[in-house]
């Protein structure tokens, strides 16, 4: 199996966290014997057409069994370059963004396999529509959690490594506060009401992200929408309580986990739930089977199975 991954979200030395979930999926596929090449390009509207021209030249030189693009606009790059068969994984923002969303939906009939990062990608969320199910073959292909990195660590050890107060009251907002859909304002309100300091991760090195999760009394996912919501699984893999809006995969993986809260946002009730964890020293939850079921390794197996199913399907006119 020779696969080409097309994306403009992939780690760089300057931005090691950028697209780390795509990187983890690529490594999982490689570990299972697939030959994978990555075609990555820069961020920004001016990058797309030059990338399509470079990709077209690459596809003339080398052949691949499947081309897999991550995000809708990257799917357009692959499609304009003539990539076939073409798989595109939509990750949420590319579906529900008021400008990019219509362009993503216009791409669907040019794709051989339409993939969503979670089932929620195919439904409405945050008042905005998801992907329609009547435009062609579809699949759910999440990028899983790396269980080699995300695991429980002693809270005191994590805080010491990060230089945090060992007795501090910390909650974690594991997203970029500059992205409106993530609703940093909500997380800030919860922390204020609970008398806690809100830790925020931006360009944290991926290898150190588990330290930040384990250092916190709870992880806050306050988003209006999530394509998948890997932060929920990362928290559960570390055994750290999760407070999340019912977006992405959170209702499925954490909705019934004691100590976790998955409910529409309401600052006062969320603050009470956070206070209970802040007051209990080193609160932990049993994340159950979800982290293993959604591990990067298992999701890599799922992606390879989707590739094989696509290649084995009868050709259509």
C-alpha atoms as a PDB file:
ATOM      1  CA  UNK A   1       0.000   0.000   0.000  1.00  0.00           C
ATOM      2  CA  UNK A   2       1.431   3.344  -1.100  1.00  0.00           C
ATOM      3  CA  UNK A   3      -0.410   6.368   0.269  1.00  0.00           C
ATOM      4  CA  UNK A   4       0.162  10.083  -0.192  1.00  0.00           C
ATOM      5  CA  UNK A   5      -1.035  12.412   2.589  1.00  0.00           C
ATOM      6  CA  UNK A   6      -1.888  15.981   1.552  1.00  0.00           C
ATOM      7  CA  UNK A   7      -2.167  18.593   4.284  1.00  0.00           C
ATOM      8  CA  UNK A   8      -1.154  22.091   5.328  1.00  0.00           C
ATOM      9  CA  UNK A   9      -1.358  21.126   8.993  1.00  0.00           C
ATOM     10  CA  UNK A  10       1.768  19.182   9.858  1.00  0.00           C
ATOM     11  CA  UNK A  11       4.393  19.735  12.583  1.00  0.00           C
ATOM     12  CA  UNK A  12       7.401  21.931  11.869  1.00  0.00           C
ATOM     13  CA  UNK A  13      10.382  22.773  14.089  1.00  0.00           C
ATOM     14  CA  UNK A  14       8.857  26.204  14.627  1.00  0.00           C
ATOM     15  CA  UNK A  15       5.347  24.879  15.306  1.00  0.00           C
ATOM     16  CA  UNK A  16       5.732  21.339  16.676  1.00  0.00           C
ATOM     17  CA  UNK A  17       2.095  21.056  17.742  1.00  0.00           C
ATOM     18  CA  UNK A  18       0.634  22.006  14.338  1.00  0.00           C
ATOM     19  CA  UNK A  19      -1.312  19.043  12.985  1.00  0.00           C
ATOM     20  CA  UNK A  20       0.294  16.611  15.425  1.00  0.00           C
ATOM     21  CA  UNK A  21      -2.843  14.442  15.201  1.00  0.00           C
ATOM     22  CA  UNK A  22      -2.220  14.012  11.447  1.00  0.00           C
ATOM     23  CA  UNK A  23       1.415  13.151  12.177  1.00  0.00           C
ATOM     24  CA  UNK A  24       0.331  10.535  14.724  1.00  0.00           C
ATOM     25  CA  UNK A  25      -2.020   8.942  12.190  1.00  0.00           C
ATOM     26  CA  UNK A  26       0.719   8.856   9.552  1.00  0.00           C
ATOM     27  CA  UNK A  27       3.102   7.151  11.987  1.00  0.00           C
ATOM     28  CA  UNK A  28       0.418   4.639  12.985  1.00  0.00           C
ATOM     29  CA  UNK A  29      -0.195   3.741   9.334  1.00  0.00           C
ATOM     30  CA  UNK A  30       3.524   3.416   8.682  1.00  0.00           C
ATOM     31  CA  UNK A  31       3.953   1.158  11.716  1.00  0.00           C
ATOM     32  CA  UNK A  32       1.467  -1.242  10.134  1.00  0.00           C
ATOM     33  CA  UNK A  33       3.476  -1.654   6.949  1.00  0.00           C
ATOM     34  CA  UNK A  34       2.094   1.013   4.632  1.00  0.00           C
ATOM     35  CA  UNK A  35       4.458   3.168   2.598  1.00  0.00           C
ATOM     36  CA  UNK A  36       3.412   6.748   3.296  1.00  0.00           C
ATOM     37  CA  UNK A  37       4.643  10.001   1.778  1.00  0.00           C
ATOM     38  CA  UNK A  38       3.531  13.386   3.077  1.00  0.00           C
ATOM     39  CA  UNK A  39       2.921  16.380   0.798  1.00  0.00           C
ATOM     40  CA  UNK A  40       2.675  19.393   3.073  1.00  0.00           C
ATOM     41  CA  UNK A  41       2.528  23.084   2.261  1.00  0.00           C
ATOM     42  CA  UNK A  42       2.260  26.397   4.060  1.00  0.00           C
ATOM     43  CA  UNK A  43      -0.741  28.048   5.623  1.00  0.00           C
ATOM     44  CA  UNK A  44      -2.536  30.923   3.917  1.00  0.00           C
ATOM     45  CA  UNK A  45      -4.840  31.466   0.953  1.00  0.00           C
ATOM     46  CA  UNK A  46      -1.946  32.176  -1.418  1.00  0.00           C
ATOM     47  CA  UNK A  47      -0.479  28.729  -0.861  1.00  0.00           C
ATOM     48  CA  UNK A  48      -3.293  26.612  -2.315  1.00  0.00           C
ATOM     49  CA  UNK A  49      -2.914  27.082  -6.090  1.00  0.00           C
ATOM     50  CA  UNK A  50       0.906  26.788  -6.058  1.00  0.00           C
ATOM     51  CA  UNK A  51       0.529  23.652  -3.939  1.00  0.00           C
ATOM     52  CA  UNK A  52      -1.930  22.185  -6.472  1.00  0.00           C
ATOM     53  CA  UNK A  53       0.583  22.793  -9.276  1.00  0.00           C
ATOM     54  CA  UNK A  54       3.421  21.180  -7.325  1.00  0.00           C
ATOM     55  CA  UNK A  55       1.220  18.238  -6.394  1.00  0.00           C
ATOM     56  CA  UNK A  56       0.172  17.720 -10.022  1.00  0.00           C
ATOM     57  CA  UNK A  57       3.835  17.545 -10.989  1.00  0.00           C
ATOM     58  CA  UNK A  58       4.503  15.034  -8.198  1.00  0.00           C
ATOM     59  CA  UNK A  59       1.610  12.820  -9.307  1.00  0.00           C
ATOM     60  CA  UNK A  60       2.986  12.790 -12.850  1.00  0.00           C
ATOM     61  CA  UNK A  61       6.309  11.508 -11.545  1.00  0.00           C
ATOM     62  CA  UNK A  62       5.119   8.947  -9.013  1.00  0.00           C
ATOM     63  CA  UNK A  63       2.048   6.780  -8.517  1.00  0.00           C
ATOM     64  CA  UNK A  64       0.171   6.082  -5.295  1.00  0.00           C
ATOM     65  CA  UNK A  65      -2.562   3.606  -4.449  1.00  0.00           C
ATOM     66  CA  UNK A  66      -4.513   6.313  -2.637  1.00  0.00           C
ATOM     67  CA  UNK A  67      -4.259  10.036  -1.939  1.00  0.00           C
ATOM     68  CA  UNK A  68      -5.617  11.150   1.437  1.00  0.00           C
ATOM     69  CA  UNK A  69      -6.140  14.854   2.145  1.00  0.00           C
ATOM     70  CA  UNK A  70      -6.834  16.291   5.587  1.00  0.00           C
ATOM     71  CA  UNK A  71      -9.247  19.272   5.660  1.00  0.00           C
ATOM     72  CA  UNK A  72     -11.549  20.443   2.914  1.00  0.00           C
ATOM     73  CA  UNK A  73      -9.334  23.070   1.279  1.00  0.00           C
ATOM     74  CA  UNK A  74      -6.482  20.564   1.115  1.00  0.00           C
ATOM     75  CA  UNK A  75      -8.960  18.243  -0.561  1.00  0.00           C
ATOM     76  CA  UNK A  76      -9.464  20.905  -3.230  1.00  0.00           C
ATOM     77  CA  UNK A  77      -5.682  21.056  -3.731  1.00  0.00           C
ATOM     78  CA  UNK A  78      -5.589  17.274  -4.252  1.00  0.00           C
ATOM     79  CA  UNK A  79      -8.644  17.284  -6.519  1.00  0.00           C
ATOM     80  CA  UNK A  80      -7.355  20.109  -8.719  1.00  0.00           C
ATOM     81  CA  UNK A  81      -4.075  18.223  -9.013  1.00  0.00           C
ATOM     82  CA  UNK A  82      -5.950  15.212 -10.398  1.00  0.00           C
ATOM     83  CA  UNK A  83      -5.454  12.911  -7.406  1.00  0.00           C
ATOM     84  CA  UNK A  84      -7.389   9.624  -7.635  1.00  0.00           C
ATOM     85  CA  UNK A  85      -8.588   7.707  -5.778  1.00  0.00           C
ATOM     86  CA  UNK A  86      -9.071  10.535  -3.325  1.00  0.00           C
ATOM     87  CA  UNK A  87      -9.999  10.325   0.357  1.00  0.00           C
ATOM     88  CA  UNK A  88     -10.659  13.555   2.257  1.00  0.00           C
ATOM     89  CA  UNK A  89     -11.012  13.691   6.027  1.00  0.00           C
ATOM     90  CA  UNK A  90     -13.018  16.692   7.231  1.00  0.00           C
ATOM     91  CA  UNK A  91     -12.148  17.768  10.764  1.00  0.00           C
ATOM     92  CA  UNK A  92     -15.016  20.067  11.728  1.00  0.00           C
ATOM     93  CA  UNK A  93     -14.055  23.688  11.195  1.00  0.00           C
ATOM     94  CA  UNK A  94     -13.774  23.061   7.459  1.00  0.00           C
ATOM     95  CA  UNK A  95     -17.383  21.875   7.505  1.00  0.00           C
ATOM     96  CA  UNK A  96     -18.981  24.469   9.775  1.00  0.00           C
ATOM     97  CA  UNK A  97     -17.031  27.625   8.925  1.00  0.00           C
ATOM     98  CA  UNK A  98     -19.377  30.137   7.293  1.00  0.00           C
ATOM     99  CA  UNK A  99     -17.022  30.644   4.315  1.00  0.00           C
ATOM    100  CA  UNK A 100     -15.070  27.396   4.066  1.00  0.00           C
ATOM    101  CA  UNK A 101     -18.061  25.132   4.822  1.00  0.00           C
ATOM    102  CA  UNK A 102     -19.898  25.716   1.511  1.00  0.00           C
ATOM    103  CA  UNK A 103     -16.640  25.133  -0.364  1.00  0.00           C
ATOM    104  CA  UNK A 104     -16.103  21.857   1.470  1.00  0.00           C
ATOM    105  CA  UNK A 105     -19.601  20.661   0.600  1.00  0.00           C
ATOM    106  CA  UNK A 106     -19.052  21.639  -3.051  1.00  0.00           C
ATOM    107  CA  UNK A 107     -16.036  19.314  -3.092  1.00  0.00           C
ATOM    108  CA  UNK A 108     -17.929  16.202  -2.010  1.00  0.00           C
ATOM    109  CA  UNK A 109     -18.905  14.900  -5.474  1.00  0.00           C
ATOM    110  CA  UNK A 110     -15.252  15.005  -6.537  1.00  0.00           C
ATOM    111  CA  UNK A 111     -14.165  12.667  -3.698  1.00  0.00           C
ATOM    112  CA  UNK A 112     -13.996   8.878  -3.846  1.00  0.00           C
ATOM    113  CA  UNK A 113     -14.383   8.500  -0.058  1.00  0.00           C
ATOM    114  CA  UNK A 114     -15.820  11.235   2.164  1.00  0.00           C
ATOM    115  CA  UNK A 115     -14.462  10.876   5.691  1.00  0.00           C
ATOM    116  CA  UNK A 116     -15.426  12.667   8.885  1.00  0.00           C
ATOM    117  CA  UNK A 117     -13.206  12.846  11.948  1.00  0.00           C
ATOM    118  CA  UNK A 118     -16.248  11.736  13.985  1.00  0.00           C
ATOM    119  CA  UNK A 119     -19.921  10.945  13.473  1.00  0.00           C
ATOM    120  CA  UNK A 120     -20.733  14.453  14.649  1.00  0.00           C
ATOM    121  CA  UNK A 121     -19.087  15.788  11.489  1.00  0.00           C
ATOM    122  CA  UNK A 122     -22.102  14.463   9.581  1.00  0.00           C
ATOM    123  CA  UNK A 123     -24.642  16.229  11.825  1.00  0.00           C
ATOM    124  CA  UNK A 124     -25.420  19.790  12.796  1.00  0.00           C
ATOM    125  CA  UNK A 125     -23.543  21.219  15.755  1.00  0.00           C
ATOM    126  CA  UNK A 126     -23.340  24.698  17.184  1.00  0.00           C
ATOM    127  CA  UNK A 127     -26.228  25.726  14.951  1.00  0.00           C
ATOM    128  CA  UNK A 128     -24.336  24.888  11.752  1.00  0.00           C
ATOM    129  CA  UNK A 129     -24.795  21.965   9.339  1.00  0.00           C
ATOM    130  CA  UNK A 130     -22.494  19.003   8.962  1.00  0.00           C
ATOM    131  CA  UNK A 131     -21.633  16.886   5.955  1.00  0.00           C
ATOM    132  CA  UNK A 132     -24.582  15.414   3.999  1.00  0.00           C
ATOM    133  CA  UNK A 133     -24.683  11.632   3.774  1.00  0.00           C
ATOM    134  CA  UNK A 134     -26.075  11.403   0.229  1.00  0.00           C
ATOM    135  CA  UNK A 135     -23.058  12.621  -1.765  1.00  0.00           C
ATOM    136  CA  UNK A 136     -21.118   9.368  -2.038  1.00  0.00           C
ATOM    137  CA  UNK A 137     -19.325   6.678  -0.008  1.00  0.00           C
ATOM    138  CA  UNK A 138     -18.484   7.876   3.493  1.00  0.00           C
ATOM    139  CA  UNK A 139     -16.578   6.750   6.556  1.00  0.00           C
ATOM    140  CA  UNK A 140     -15.647   7.932  10.038  1.00  0.00           C
ATOM    141  CA  UNK A 141     -11.847   8.091  10.297  1.00  0.00           C
ATOM    142  CA  UNK A 142     -10.686   9.693  13.547  1.00  0.00           C
ATOM    143  CA  UNK A 143      -7.114  10.561  14.395  1.00  0.00           C
ATOM    144  CA  UNK A 144      -6.547   8.651  17.623  1.00  0.00           C
ATOM    145  CA  UNK A 145      -4.790   9.379  20.893  1.00  0.00           C
ATOM    146  CA  UNK A 146      -1.133   8.408  21.304  1.00  0.00           C
ATOM    147  CA  UNK A 147      -1.178   6.211  24.408  1.00  0.00           C
ATOM    148  CA  UNK A 148       2.595   6.163  24.462  1.00  0.00           C
ATOM    149  CA  UNK A 149       2.498   9.838  25.467  1.00  0.00           C
ATOM    150  CA  UNK A 150      -0.842  10.326  27.195  1.00  0.00           C
ATOM    151  CA  UNK A 151      -0.972   8.382  30.449  1.00  0.00           C
ATOM    152  CA  UNK A 152      -1.443   9.184  34.159  1.00  0.00           C
ATOM    153  CA  UNK A 153       1.509  10.919  35.821  1.00  0.00           C
ATOM    154  CA  UNK A 154       1.774  11.990  39.470  1.00  0.00           C
ATOM    155  CA  UNK A 155       0.359  15.509  39.752  1.00  0.00           C
ATOM    156  CA  UNK A 156       3.249  16.681  41.943  1.00  0.00           C
ATOM    157  CA  UNK A 157       5.757  15.431  39.383  1.00  0.00           C
ATOM    158  CA  UNK A 158       3.962  17.171  36.502  1.00  0.00           C
ATOM    159  CA  UNK A 159       3.727  20.464  38.375  1.00  0.00           C
ATOM    160  CA  UNK A 160       7.350  20.324  39.418  1.00  0.00           C
ATOM    161  CA  UNK A 161       8.454  19.716  35.828  1.00  0.00           C
ATOM    162  CA  UNK A 162       6.410  22.718  34.650  1.00  0.00           C
ATOM    163  CA  UNK A 163       7.456  24.996  37.507  1.00  0.00           C
ATOM    164  CA  UNK A 164       3.917  25.306  38.867  1.00  0.00           C
ATOM    165  CA  UNK A 165       2.876  25.815  42.481  1.00  0.00           C
ATOM    166  CA  UNK A 166       2.462  22.322  43.979  1.00  0.00           C
ATOM    167  CA  UNK A 167      -0.614  23.517  45.893  1.00  0.00           C
ATOM    168  CA  UNK A 168      -2.071  25.655  43.101  1.00  0.00           C
ATOM    169  CA  UNK A 169      -5.652  25.525  41.890  1.00  0.00           C
ATOM    170  CA  UNK A 170      -5.346  24.860  38.164  1.00  0.00           C
ATOM    171  CA  UNK A 171      -7.793  24.155  35.357  1.00  0.00           C
ATOM    172  CA  UNK A 172      -6.624  23.521  31.795  1.00  0.00           C
ATOM    173  CA  UNK A 173      -7.967  25.011  28.557  1.00  0.00           C
ATOM    174  CA  UNK A 174      -6.227  22.804  25.943  1.00  0.00           C
ATOM    175  CA  UNK A 175      -6.777  25.002  22.891  1.00  0.00           C
ATOM    176  CA  UNK A 176      -5.775  28.227  21.211  1.00  0.00           C
ATOM    177  CA  UNK A 177      -7.762  31.024  22.902  1.00  0.00           C
ATOM    178  CA  UNK A 178      -7.660  33.032  19.666  1.00  0.00           C
ATOM    179  CA  UNK A 179      -9.993  30.555  17.947  1.00  0.00           C
ATOM    180  CA  UNK A 180     -13.535  31.818  18.669  1.00  0.00           C
ATOM    181  CA  UNK A 181     -15.121  28.364  18.254  1.00  0.00           C
ATOM    182  CA  UNK A 182     -13.126  27.093  21.267  1.00  0.00           C
ATOM    183  CA  UNK A 183     -14.792  29.662  23.583  1.00  0.00           C
ATOM    184  CA  UNK A 184     -11.942  30.675  25.845  1.00  0.00           C
ATOM    185  CA  UNK A 185     -14.317  33.204  27.402  1.00  0.00           C
ATOM    186  CA  UNK A 186     -16.385  30.375  28.869  1.00  0.00           C
ATOM    187  CA  UNK A 187     -13.371  28.615  30.351  1.00  0.00           C
ATOM    188  CA  UNK A 188     -12.153  31.893  31.870  1.00  0.00           C
ATOM    189  CA  UNK A 189     -15.529  32.411  33.526  1.00  0.00           C
ATOM    190  CA  UNK A 190     -15.501  28.925  35.044  1.00  0.00           C
ATOM    191  CA  UNK A 191     -11.989  29.438  36.412  1.00  0.00           C
ATOM    192  CA  UNK A 192     -12.948  32.806  37.895  1.00  0.00           C
ATOM    193  CA  UNK A 193     -16.033  31.429  39.624  1.00  0.00           C
ATOM    194  CA  UNK A 194     -14.127  28.388  40.905  1.00  0.00           C
ATOM    195  CA  UNK A 195     -11.232  30.459  42.237  1.00  0.00           C
ATOM    196  CA  UNK A 196      -8.719  28.779  39.958  1.00  0.00           C
ATOM    197  CA  UNK A 197      -5.975  29.749  37.548  1.00  0.00           C
ATOM    198  CA  UNK A 198      -6.666  28.815  33.943  1.00  0.00           C
ATOM    199  CA  UNK A 199      -3.712  27.191  32.216  1.00  0.00           C
ATOM    200  CA  UNK A 200      -3.697  27.733  28.441  1.00  0.00           C
ATOM    201  CA  UNK A 201      -1.660  25.735  25.931  1.00  0.00           C
ATOM    202  CA  UNK A 202      -0.711  27.265  22.606  1.00  0.00           C
ATOM    203  CA  UNK A 203       2.514  26.048  21.009  1.00  0.00           C
ATOM    204  CA  UNK A 204       3.310  23.493  23.704  1.00  0.00           C
ATOM    205  CA  UNK A 205       5.648  20.769  22.508  1.00  0.00           C
ATOM    206  CA  UNK A 206       3.566  17.591  21.997  1.00  0.00           C
ATOM    207  CA  UNK A 207       5.822  15.568  24.301  1.00  0.00           C
ATOM    208  CA  UNK A 208       5.071  17.994  27.149  1.00  0.00           C
ATOM    209  CA  UNK A 209       1.307  18.204  26.668  1.00  0.00           C
ATOM    210  CA  UNK A 210       0.662  15.232  29.013  1.00  0.00           C
ATOM    211  CA  UNK A 211       2.438  17.186  31.773  1.00  0.00           C
ATOM    212  CA  UNK A 212      -0.043  20.064  31.432  1.00  0.00           C
ATOM    213  CA  UNK A 213      -3.024  17.722  31.528  1.00  0.00           C
ATOM    214  CA  UNK A 214      -1.751  15.850  34.578  1.00  0.00           C
ATOM    215  CA  UNK A 215      -0.948  19.137  36.334  1.00  0.00           C
ATOM    216  CA  UNK A 216      -4.579  20.281  36.189  1.00  0.00           C
ATOM    217  CA  UNK A 217      -7.515  19.344  38.380  1.00  0.00           C
ATOM    218  CA  UNK A 218      -9.752  19.191  35.309  1.00  0.00           C
ATOM    219  CA  UNK A 219      -9.675  19.812  31.564  1.00  0.00           C
ATOM    220  CA  UNK A 220     -12.232  22.273  30.149  1.00  0.00           C
ATOM    221  CA  UNK A 221     -13.560  21.785  26.609  1.00  0.00           C
ATOM    222  CA  UNK A 222     -15.970  24.683  26.186  1.00  0.00           C
ATOM    223  CA  UNK A 223     -16.228  24.639  22.385  1.00  0.00           C
ATOM    224  CA  UNK A 224     -19.260  25.514  20.291  1.00  0.00           C
ATOM    225  CA  UNK A 225     -18.336  22.578  18.036  1.00  0.00           C
ATOM    226  CA  UNK A 226     -15.605  19.984  17.523  1.00  0.00           C
ATOM    227  CA  UNK A 227     -14.923  17.796  14.533  1.00  0.00           C
ATOM    228  CA  UNK A 228     -13.607  15.075  16.824  1.00  0.00           C
ATOM    229  CA  UNK A 229     -12.294  16.536  20.072  1.00  0.00           C
ATOM    230  CA  UNK A 230      -9.044  14.698  20.732  1.00  0.00           C
ATOM    231  CA  UNK A 231      -8.527  16.671  23.957  1.00  0.00           C
ATOM    232  CA  UNK A 232     -11.350  14.710  25.576  1.00  0.00           C
ATOM    233  CA  UNK A 233      -9.582  11.402  24.941  1.00  0.00           C
ATOM    234  CA  UNK A 234      -6.227  12.804  26.002  1.00  0.00           C
ATOM    235  CA  UNK A 235      -7.727  13.848  29.341  1.00  0.00           C
ATOM    236  CA  UNK A 236      -9.316  10.420  29.862  1.00  0.00           C
ATOM    237  CA  UNK A 237      -6.072   8.661  28.917  1.00  0.00           C
ATOM    238  CA  UNK A 238      -4.376  10.660  31.689  1.00  0.00           C
ATOM    239  CA  UNK A 239      -7.197   9.918  34.126  1.00  0.00           C
ATOM    240  CA  UNK A 240      -7.971  13.629  34.508  1.00  0.00           C
ATOM    241  CA  UNK A 241     -11.596  14.801  34.912  1.00  0.00           C
ATOM    242  CA  UNK A 242     -13.159  16.333  31.798  1.00  0.00           C
ATOM    243  CA  UNK A 243     -15.768  19.080  31.694  1.00  0.00           C
ATOM    244  CA  UNK A 244     -17.052  19.369  28.144  1.00  0.00           C
ATOM    245  CA  UNK A 245     -19.890  20.704  26.078  1.00  0.00           C
ATOM    246  CA  UNK A 246     -21.664  17.907  24.155  1.00  0.00           C
ATOM    247  CA  UNK A 247     -19.517  18.266  21.050  1.00  0.00           C
ATOM    248  CA  UNK A 248     -17.487  15.879  18.938  1.00  0.00           C
ATOM    249  CA  UNK A 249     -16.729  12.567  20.574  1.00  0.00           C
ATOM    250  CA  UNK A 250     -17.119  13.803  24.180  1.00  0.00           C
ATOM    251  CA  UNK A 251     -20.697  12.518  24.756  1.00  0.00           C
ATOM    252  CA  UNK A 252     -19.674   9.055  23.547  1.00  0.00           C
ATOM    253  CA  UNK A 253     -16.419   8.678  25.462  1.00  0.00           C
ATOM    254  CA  UNK A 254     -17.064  10.682  28.636  1.00  0.00           C
ATOM    255  CA  UNK A 255     -20.824  11.092  28.992  1.00  0.00           C
ATOM    256  CA  UNK A 256     -21.115   8.227  31.483  1.00  0.00           C
ATOM    257  CA  UNK A 257     -17.696   8.485  33.158  1.00  0.00           C
ATOM    258  CA  UNK A 258     -18.087   9.287  36.886  1.00  0.00           C
ATOM    259  CA  UNK A 259     -16.356  12.547  37.687  1.00  0.00           C
ATOM    260  CA  UNK A 260     -16.743  13.941  34.173  1.00  0.00           C
ATOM    261  CA  UNK A 261     -19.341  16.462  33.054  1.00  0.00           C
ATOM    262  CA  UNK A 262     -20.691  16.536  29.496  1.00  0.00           C
ATOM    263  CA  UNK A 263     -23.479  19.064  29.291  1.00  0.00           C
ATOM    264  CA  UNK A 264     -24.378  22.346  27.592  1.00  0.00           C
ATOM    265  CA  UNK A 265     -22.373  25.183  29.045  1.00  0.00           C
ATOM    266  CA  UNK A 266     -23.704  26.900  32.153  1.00  0.00           C
ATOM    267  CA  UNK A 267     -21.047  28.760  34.092  1.00  0.00           C
ATOM    268  CA  UNK A 268     -22.349  28.266  37.643  1.00  0.00           C
ATOM    269  CA  UNK A 269     -22.924  24.502  37.430  1.00  0.00           C
ATOM    270  CA  UNK A 270     -19.634  24.011  35.628  1.00  0.00           C
ATOM    271  CA  UNK A 271     -17.824  26.004  38.319  1.00  0.00           C
ATOM    272  CA  UNK A 272     -19.369  23.825  41.044  1.00  0.00           C
ATOM    273  CA  UNK A 273     -18.174  20.703  39.241  1.00  0.00           C
ATOM    274  CA  UNK A 274     -14.706  22.198  38.835  1.00  0.00           C
ATOM    275  CA  UNK A 275     -14.563  23.213  42.507  1.00  0.00           C
ATOM    276  CA  UNK A 276     -15.234  19.632  43.581  1.00  0.00           C
ATOM    277  CA  UNK A 277     -12.121  18.515  41.697  1.00  0.00           C
ATOM    278  CA  UNK A 278     -10.032  21.498  42.779  1.00  0.00           C
ATOM    279  CA  UNK A 279     -10.817  20.753  46.430  1.00  0.00           C
ATOM    280  CA  UNK A 280      -9.957  17.052  46.284  1.00  0.00           C
ATOM    281  CA  UNK A 281      -6.178  17.190  45.942  1.00  0.00           C
ATOM    282  CA  UNK A 282      -5.334  14.939  43.011  1.00  0.00           C
ATOM    283  CA  UNK A 283      -8.682  14.003  41.448  1.00  0.00           C
ATOM    284  CA  UNK A 284      -8.622  11.157  38.975  1.00  0.00           C
ATOM    285  CA  UNK A 285     -11.221   9.382  36.881  1.00  0.00           C
ATOM    286  CA  UNK A 286     -11.334   5.956  35.303  1.00  0.00           C
ATOM    287  CA  UNK A 287     -11.363   6.752  31.599  1.00  0.00           C
ATOM    288  CA  UNK A 288     -12.660   3.274  30.800  1.00  0.00           C
ATOM    289  CA  UNK A 289     -12.053   1.581  27.431  1.00  0.00           C
ATOM    290  CA  UNK A 290     -12.412   4.689  25.260  1.00  0.00           C
ATOM    291  CA  UNK A 291      -8.725   5.726  25.080  1.00  0.00           C
ATOM    292  CA  UNK A 292      -7.711   2.243  23.972  1.00  0.00           C
ATOM    293  CA  UNK A 293     -10.614   1.951  21.524  1.00  0.00           C
ATOM    294  CA  UNK A 294      -9.649   5.306  19.997  1.00  0.00           C
ATOM    295  CA  UNK A 295      -5.888   4.844  20.157  1.00  0.00           C
ATOM    296  CA  UNK A 296      -3.776   6.085  17.260  1.00  0.00           C
ATOM    297  CA  UNK A 297      -2.818   2.480  16.517  1.00  0.00           C
ATOM    298  CA  UNK A 298      -6.425   1.299  16.226  1.00  0.00           C
ATOM    299  CA  UNK A 299      -7.452   4.327  14.209  1.00  0.00           C
ATOM    300  CA  UNK A 300      -4.541   3.647  11.879  1.00  0.00           C
ATOM    301  CA  UNK A 301      -5.926   0.155  11.330  1.00  0.00           C
ATOM    302  CA  UNK A 302      -9.299   1.715  10.564  1.00  0.00           C
ATOM    303  CA  UNK A 303      -7.796   4.059   7.974  1.00  0.00           C
ATOM    304  CA  UNK A 304      -5.943   1.229   6.226  1.00  0.00           C
ATOM    305  CA  UNK A 305      -9.145  -0.840   6.154  1.00  0.00           C
ATOM    306  CA  UNK A 306     -10.923   2.113   4.511  1.00  0.00           C
ATOM    307  CA  UNK A 307      -8.161   2.363   1.899  1.00  0.00           C
ATOM    308  CA  UNK A 308      -8.444  -1.340   1.101  1.00  0.00           C
ATOM    309  CA  UNK A 309     -12.227  -1.159   0.884  1.00  0.00           C
ATOM    310  CA  UNK A 310     -11.981   1.758  -1.517  1.00  0.00           C
ATOM    311  CA  UNK A 311      -9.464  -0.018  -3.751  1.00  0.00           C
ATOM    312  CA  UNK A 312     -11.465  -3.243  -3.749  1.00  0.00           C
ATOM    313  CA  UNK A 313     -14.793  -1.582  -4.564  1.00  0.00           C
ATOM    314  CA  UNK A 314     -16.150  -2.133  -8.089  1.00  0.00           C
ATOM    315  CA  UNK A 315     -15.258   0.683 -10.452  1.00  0.00           C
ATOM    316  CA  UNK A 316     -18.090   3.061 -11.309  1.00  0.00           C
ATOM    317  CA  UNK A 317     -18.576   4.888 -14.570  1.00  0.00           C
END
